[in-house]
Amino acid sequence: MFDIITNNTELDKDTLLSQFFSSFGDKYSEDEKKLFTQAWEFFCEKTKDLTRACGKPFYLHPIRVAAILAQANMDGECIICGLLHSIFEIDNVSQEEVESKFGPVITRIVFDTSRITGMKINATSIQQADNIRKMLFAMIDDVRVILVKLADRLDRMRNLKAIEEKKQRLVASEVIDIW
């Protein structure tokens, strides 16, 4: 299973891409594979000097998110959005640059996913959680935004042990309350 393999931080970006395609490549057209490869190379170039707080390469989480979406048989655009879902957190990456490379649909989904990620979500009651869920659905034009965010949160939950306890509780609480 791909998400278990990527927990090994010894794997370089080219090996991860190769393993991704050996696991899921038969589901996508050559054009989708080419665009995914471009997105992977773009993401890796923009994050080459970054690591997560746990010390792992920045690119491991996004490829695991893409793998979760591929396992769910999502379309190529959605997989690419899963890979790029955190690209706007990176300095010197603009919407215009992403749009020129990947088009308006992917840019919009990634931007909306980033917008949701940037929201401070804190529900103290079931009614508040319901209202937040309704607001999230009202904010988006494409349901794939929610699917990318769900894949993101699933991967975060699978890897909670890598972050400090206080953040573990915040992530777990948000997932339970909202997602």
C-alpha atoms as a PDB file:
ATOM      1  CA  MET A   1       0.000   0.000   0.000  1.00  0.00           C
ATOM      2  CA  PHE A   2       1.423   3.361  -1.019  1.00  0.00           C
ATOM      3  CA  ASP A   3       0.861   5.291   2.225  1.00  0.00           C
ATOM      4  CA  ILE A   4       2.899   2.752   4.207  1.00  0.00           C
ATOM      5  CA  ILE A   5       5.782   2.919   1.751  1.00  0.00           C
ATOM      6  CA  THR A   6       5.998   6.719   1.936  1.00  0.00           C
ATOM      7  CA  ASN A   7       6.484   6.656   5.697  1.00  0.00           C
ATOM      8  CA  ASN A   8      10.080   5.739   4.902  1.00  0.00           C
ATOM      9  CA  THR A   9      11.832   9.106   4.668  1.00  0.00           C
ATOM     10  CA  GLU A  10      14.816   7.532   2.901  1.00  0.00           C
ATOM     11  CA  LEU A  11      12.888   7.567  -0.374  1.00  0.00           C
ATOM     12  CA  ASP A  12      13.828  10.393  -2.692  1.00  0.00           C
ATOM     13  CA  LYS A  13      11.349  12.347  -4.782  1.00  0.00           C
ATOM     14  CA  ASP A  14      12.044  10.392  -7.992  1.00  0.00           C
ATOM     15  CA  THR A  15      11.532   7.047  -6.267  1.00  0.00           C
ATOM     16  CA  LEU A  16       8.267   8.275  -4.739  1.00  0.00           C
ATOM     17  CA  LEU A  17       7.002   9.404  -8.139  1.00  0.00           C
ATOM     18  CA  SER A  18       7.957   6.058  -9.657  1.00  0.00           C
ATOM     19  CA  GLN A  19       6.181   4.165  -6.865  1.00  0.00           C
ATOM     20  CA  PHE A  20       3.118   6.372  -7.215  1.00  0.00           C
ATOM     21  CA  PHE A  21       2.864   5.548 -10.917  1.00  0.00           C
ATOM     22  CA  SER A  22       3.522   1.848 -10.358  1.00  0.00           C
ATOM     23  CA  SER A  23       0.652   1.837  -7.832  1.00  0.00           C
ATOM     24  CA  PHE A  24      -1.819   4.076  -9.662  1.00  0.00           C
ATOM     25  CA  GLY A  25      -0.489   4.863 -13.138  1.00  0.00           C
ATOM     26  CA  ASP A  26      -2.853   2.527 -14.969  1.00  0.00           C
ATOM     27  CA  LYS A  27      -5.826   4.628 -13.788  1.00  0.00           C
ATOM     28  CA  TYR A  28      -4.745   7.795 -15.599  1.00  0.00           C
ATOM     29  CA  SER A  29      -4.111   8.945 -19.148  1.00  0.00           C
ATOM     30  CA  GLU A  30      -0.672   9.877 -20.396  1.00  0.00           C
ATOM     31  CA  ASP A  31      -1.663  13.567 -20.331  1.00  0.00           C
ATOM     32  CA  GLU A  32      -2.760  13.266 -16.691  1.00  0.00           C
ATOM     33  CA  LYS A  33       0.496  11.487 -15.812  1.00  0.00           C
ATOM     34  CA  LYS A  34       2.486  14.205 -17.553  1.00  0.00           C
ATOM     35  CA  LEU A  35       0.612  16.956 -15.694  1.00  0.00           C
ATOM     36  CA  PHE A  36       1.004  15.086 -12.393  1.00  0.00           C
ATOM     37  CA  THR A  37       4.755  14.786 -13.037  1.00  0.00           C
ATOM     38  CA  GLN A  38       4.929  18.527 -13.772  1.00  0.00           C
ATOM     39  CA  ALA A  39       3.035  19.271 -10.554  1.00  0.00           C
ATOM     40  CA  TRP A  40       5.322  16.950  -8.569  1.00  0.00           C
ATOM     41  CA  GLU A  41       8.466  18.538  -9.991  1.00  0.00           C
ATOM     42  CA  PHE A  42       7.059  22.043  -9.396  1.00  0.00           C
ATOM     43  CA  PHE A  43       6.127  21.207  -5.814  1.00  0.00           C
ATOM     44  CA  CYS A  44       9.468  19.549  -5.069  1.00  0.00           C
ATOM     45  CA  GLU A  45      11.369  22.489  -6.550  1.00  0.00           C
ATOM     46  CA  LYS A  46       9.409  25.017  -4.494  1.00  0.00           C
ATOM     47  CA  THR A  47       9.836  22.997  -1.264  1.00  0.00           C
ATOM     48  CA  LYS A  48      13.329  21.555  -1.784  1.00  0.00           C
ATOM     49  CA  ASP A  49      14.758  23.260   1.303  1.00  0.00           C
ATOM     50  CA  LEU A  50      11.729  22.695   3.549  1.00  0.00           C
ATOM     51  CA  THR A  51      11.032  20.023   6.121  1.00  0.00           C
ATOM     52  CA  ARG A  52       8.028  19.426   8.347  1.00  0.00           C
ATOM     53  CA  ALA A  53       8.214  20.085  12.078  1.00  0.00           C
ATOM     54  CA  CYS A  54       8.837  16.355  12.544  1.00  0.00           C
ATOM     55  CA  GLY A  55      11.947  16.624  10.339  1.00  0.00           C
ATOM     56  CA  LYS A  56      10.530  14.722   7.359  1.00  0.00           C
ATOM     57  CA  PRO A  57      10.694  16.155   3.831  1.00  0.00           C
ATOM     58  CA  PHE A  58       7.877  18.580   3.070  1.00  0.00           C
ATOM     59  CA  TYR A  59       6.822  16.599  -0.013  1.00  0.00           C
ATOM     60  CA  LEU A  60       5.875  13.359   1.793  1.00  0.00           C
ATOM     61  CA  HIS A  61       2.489  14.547   3.070  1.00  0.00           C
ATOM     62  CA  PRO A  62       1.225  15.885  -0.301  1.00  0.00           C
ATOM     63  CA  ILE A  63       2.103  12.705  -2.190  1.00  0.00           C
ATOM     64  CA  ARG A  64       0.347  10.646   0.490  1.00  0.00           C
ATOM     65  CA  VAL A  65      -2.719  12.900   0.063  1.00  0.00           C
ATOM     66  CA  ALA A  66      -2.569  12.331  -3.704  1.00  0.00           C
ATOM     67  CA  ALA A  67      -2.295   8.577  -3.066  1.00  0.00           C
ATOM     68  CA  ILE A  68      -5.374   8.615  -0.826  1.00  0.00           C
ATOM     69  CA  LEU A  69      -7.313  10.339  -3.613  1.00  0.00           C
ATOM     70  CA  ALA A  70      -5.965   7.887  -6.199  1.00  0.00           C
ATOM     71  CA  GLN A  71      -7.023   4.968  -3.992  1.00  0.00           C
ATOM     72  CA  ALA A  72     -10.506   6.504  -3.999  1.00  0.00           C
ATOM     73  CA  ASN A  73     -10.416   6.535  -7.831  1.00  0.00           C
ATOM     74  CA  MET A  74     -10.629  10.313  -8.108  1.00  0.00           C
ATOM     75  CA  ASP A  75      -9.944  12.013 -11.438  1.00  0.00           C
ATOM     76  CA  GLY A  76      -6.523  13.285 -12.497  1.00  0.00           C
ATOM     77  CA  GLU A  77      -7.269  16.923 -11.667  1.00  0.00           C
ATOM     78  CA  CYS A  78      -8.293  15.972  -8.135  1.00  0.00           C
ATOM     79  CA  ILE A  79      -5.095  13.942  -7.649  1.00  0.00           C
ATOM     80  CA  ILE A  80      -3.005  16.919  -8.781  1.00  0.00           C
ATOM     81  CA  CYS A  81      -4.947  19.173  -6.410  1.00  0.00           C
ATOM     82  CA  GLY A  82      -4.169  16.766  -3.585  1.00  0.00           C
ATOM     83  CA  LEU A  83      -0.509  17.040  -4.441  1.00  0.00           C
ATOM     84  CA  LEU A  84      -0.601  20.847  -4.626  1.00  0.00           C
ATOM     85  CA  HIS A  85      -3.071  21.435  -1.777  1.00  0.00           C
ATOM     86  CA  SER A  86      -0.490  23.206   0.409  1.00  0.00           C
ATOM     87  CA  ILE A  87       1.459  25.046  -2.308  1.00  0.00           C
ATOM     88  CA  PHE A  88       0.107  28.469  -1.316  1.00  0.00           C
ATOM     89  CA  GLU A  89       1.687  28.056   2.129  1.00  0.00           C
ATOM     90  CA  ILE A  90       5.059  28.349   0.386  1.00  0.00           C
ATOM     91  CA  ASP A  91       6.675  31.769   0.014  1.00  0.00           C
ATOM     92  CA  ASN A  92       6.951  33.133  -3.513  1.00  0.00           C
ATOM     93  CA  VAL A  93       4.196  30.956  -5.001  1.00  0.00           C
ATOM     94  CA  SER A  94       1.346  32.924  -6.523  1.00  0.00           C
ATOM     95  CA  GLN A  95      -2.032  31.961  -7.916  1.00  0.00           C
ATOM     96  CA  GLU A  96      -0.949  33.357 -11.261  1.00  0.00           C
ATOM     97  CA  GLU A  97       2.079  31.073 -11.387  1.00  0.00           C
ATOM     98  CA  VAL A  98       0.035  28.001 -10.484  1.00  0.00           C
ATOM     99  CA  GLU A  99      -2.671  28.932 -12.979  1.00  0.00           C
ATOM    100  CA  SER A 100      -0.165  29.440 -15.809  1.00  0.00           C
ATOM    101  CA  LYS A 101       1.254  25.961 -15.187  1.00  0.00           C
ATOM    102  CA  PHE A 102      -1.866  23.963 -14.273  1.00  0.00           C
ATOM    103  CA  GLY A 103      -4.902  25.930 -15.419  1.00  0.00           C
ATOM    104  CA  PRO A 104      -7.793  27.682 -13.695  1.00  0.00           C
ATOM    105  CA  VAL A 105      -9.677  24.593 -12.455  1.00  0.00           C
ATOM    106  CA  ILE A 106      -6.754  23.135 -10.511  1.00  0.00           C
ATOM    107  CA  THR A 107      -5.791  26.585  -9.220  1.00  0.00           C
ATOM    108  CA  ARG A 108      -9.316  27.246  -7.960  1.00  0.00           C
ATOM    109  CA  ILE A 109      -9.573  23.906  -6.140  1.00  0.00           C
ATOM    110  CA  VAL A 110      -6.126  24.333  -4.566  1.00  0.00           C
ATOM    111  CA  PHE A 111      -6.895  27.930  -3.576  1.00  0.00           C
ATOM    112  CA  ASP A 112     -10.240  26.992  -2.012  1.00  0.00           C
ATOM    113  CA  THR A 113      -8.588  24.117  -0.138  1.00  0.00           C
ATOM    114  CA  SER A 114      -5.943  26.525   1.166  1.00  0.00           C
ATOM    115  CA  ARG A 115      -8.633  28.973   2.183  1.00  0.00           C
ATOM    116  CA  ILE A 116     -10.384  26.306   4.244  1.00  0.00           C
ATOM    117  CA  THR A 117      -7.076  25.247   5.777  1.00  0.00           C
ATOM    118  CA  GLY A 118      -6.396  28.826   6.827  1.00  0.00           C
ATOM    119  CA  MET A 119      -9.693  29.146   8.666  1.00  0.00           C
ATOM    120  CA  LYS A 120      -9.698  28.888  12.427  1.00  0.00           C
ATOM    121  CA  ILE A 121     -12.256  26.158  12.974  1.00  0.00           C
ATOM    122  CA  ASN A 122     -13.283  25.716  16.570  1.00  0.00           C
ATOM    123  CA  ALA A 123     -16.672  24.227  17.234  1.00  0.00           C
ATOM    124  CA  THR A 124     -17.765  23.935  20.840  1.00  0.00           C
ATOM    125  CA  SER A 125     -21.154  22.377  20.122  1.00  0.00           C
ATOM    126  CA  ILE A 126     -22.751  20.054  17.607  1.00  0.00           C
ATOM    127  CA  GLN A 127     -24.819  22.963  16.282  1.00  0.00           C
ATOM    128  CA  GLN A 128     -21.674  25.054  15.695  1.00  0.00           C
ATOM    129  CA  ALA A 129     -20.035  22.126  13.901  1.00  0.00           C
ATOM    130  CA  ASP A 130     -23.111  21.742  11.685  1.00  0.00           C
ATOM    131  CA  ASN A 131     -23.051  25.466  10.897  1.00  0.00           C
ATOM    132  CA  ILE A 132     -19.352  25.311  10.014  1.00  0.00           C
ATOM    133  CA  ARG A 133     -19.946  22.334   7.698  1.00  0.00           C
ATOM    134  CA  LYS A 134     -22.794  24.207   5.979  1.00  0.00           C
ATOM    135  CA  MET A 135     -20.598  27.288   5.615  1.00  0.00           C
ATOM    136  CA  LEU A 136     -17.777  25.224   4.087  1.00  0.00           C
ATOM    137  CA  PHE A 137     -20.106  23.725   1.503  1.00  0.00           C
ATOM    138  CA  ALA A 138     -21.522  27.161   0.714  1.00  0.00           C
ATOM    139  CA  MET A 139     -18.001  28.565   0.202  1.00  0.00           C
ATOM    140  CA  ILE A 140     -16.952  26.107  -2.480  1.00  0.00           C
ATOM    141  CA  ASP A 141     -17.927  25.620  -6.092  1.00  0.00           C
ATOM    142  CA  ASP A 142     -16.384  22.169  -6.550  1.00  0.00           C
ATOM    143  CA  VAL A 143     -16.936  19.227  -4.198  1.00  0.00           C
ATOM    144  CA  ARG A 144     -13.372  18.076  -4.924  1.00  0.00           C
ATOM    145  CA  VAL A 145     -12.221  20.812  -2.520  1.00  0.00           C
ATOM    146  CA  ILE A 146     -13.881  18.885   0.309  1.00  0.00           C
ATOM    147  CA  LEU A 147     -12.483  15.574  -0.972  1.00  0.00           C
ATOM    148  CA  VAL A 148      -8.943  16.981  -1.041  1.00  0.00           C
ATOM    149  CA  LYS A 149      -9.413  18.375   2.458  1.00  0.00           C
ATOM    150  CA  LEU A 150     -10.746  15.026   3.699  1.00  0.00           C
ATOM    151  CA  ALA A 151      -7.720  13.236   2.235  1.00  0.00           C
ATOM    152  CA  ASP A 152      -5.463  15.834   3.878  1.00  0.00           C
ATOM    153  CA  ARG A 153      -7.088  15.291   7.267  1.00  0.00           C
ATOM    154  CA  LEU A 154      -7.014  11.491   6.875  1.00  0.00           C
ATOM    155  CA  ASP A 155      -3.273  11.602   6.273  1.00  0.00           C
ATOM    156  CA  ARG A 156      -2.804  13.991   9.206  1.00  0.00           C
ATOM    157  CA  MET A 157      -4.715  11.607  11.467  1.00  0.00           C
ATOM    158  CA  ARG A 158      -2.649   8.644  10.275  1.00  0.00           C
ATOM    159  CA  ASN A 159       0.523  10.554  11.130  1.00  0.00           C
ATOM    160  CA  LEU A 160      -0.456  12.323  14.354  1.00  0.00           C
ATOM    161  CA  LYS A 161       2.351  10.681  16.292  1.00  0.00           C
ATOM    162  CA  ALA A 162       4.831  12.862  14.390  1.00  0.00           C
ATOM    163  CA  ILE A 163       3.559  16.120  15.913  1.00  0.00           C
ATOM    164  CA  GLU A 164       3.458  17.518  19.445  1.00  0.00           C
ATOM    165  CA  GLU A 165       0.612  16.489  21.741  1.00  0.00           C
ATOM    166  CA  LYS A 166      -1.124  19.884  21.831  1.00  0.00           C
ATOM    167  CA  LYS A 167      -1.369  19.950  18.018  1.00  0.00           C
ATOM    168  CA  GLN A 168      -2.477  16.304  18.014  1.00  0.00           C
ATOM    169  CA  ARG A 169      -5.446  17.254  20.147  1.00  0.00           C
ATOM    170  CA  LEU A 170      -6.323  20.256  17.943  1.00  0.00           C
ATOM    171  CA  VAL A 171      -6.196  18.208  14.732  1.00  0.00           C
ATOM    172  CA  ALA A 172      -8.148  15.321  16.255  1.00  0.00           C
ATOM    173  CA  SER A 173     -10.766  17.679  17.675  1.00  0.00           C
ATOM    174  CA  GLU A 174     -11.242  19.424  14.329  1.00  0.00           C
ATOM    175  CA  VAL A 175     -11.589  16.104  12.509  1.00  0.00           C
ATOM    176  CA  ILE A 176     -14.113  14.785  15.002  1.00  0.00           C
ATOM    177  CA  ASP A 177     -16.141  18.011  15.093  1.00  0.00           C
ATOM    178  CA  ILE A 178     -16.094  19.038  11.447  1.00  0.00           C
ATOM    179  CA  TRP A 179     -14.937  16.309   9.093  1.00  0.00           C
END
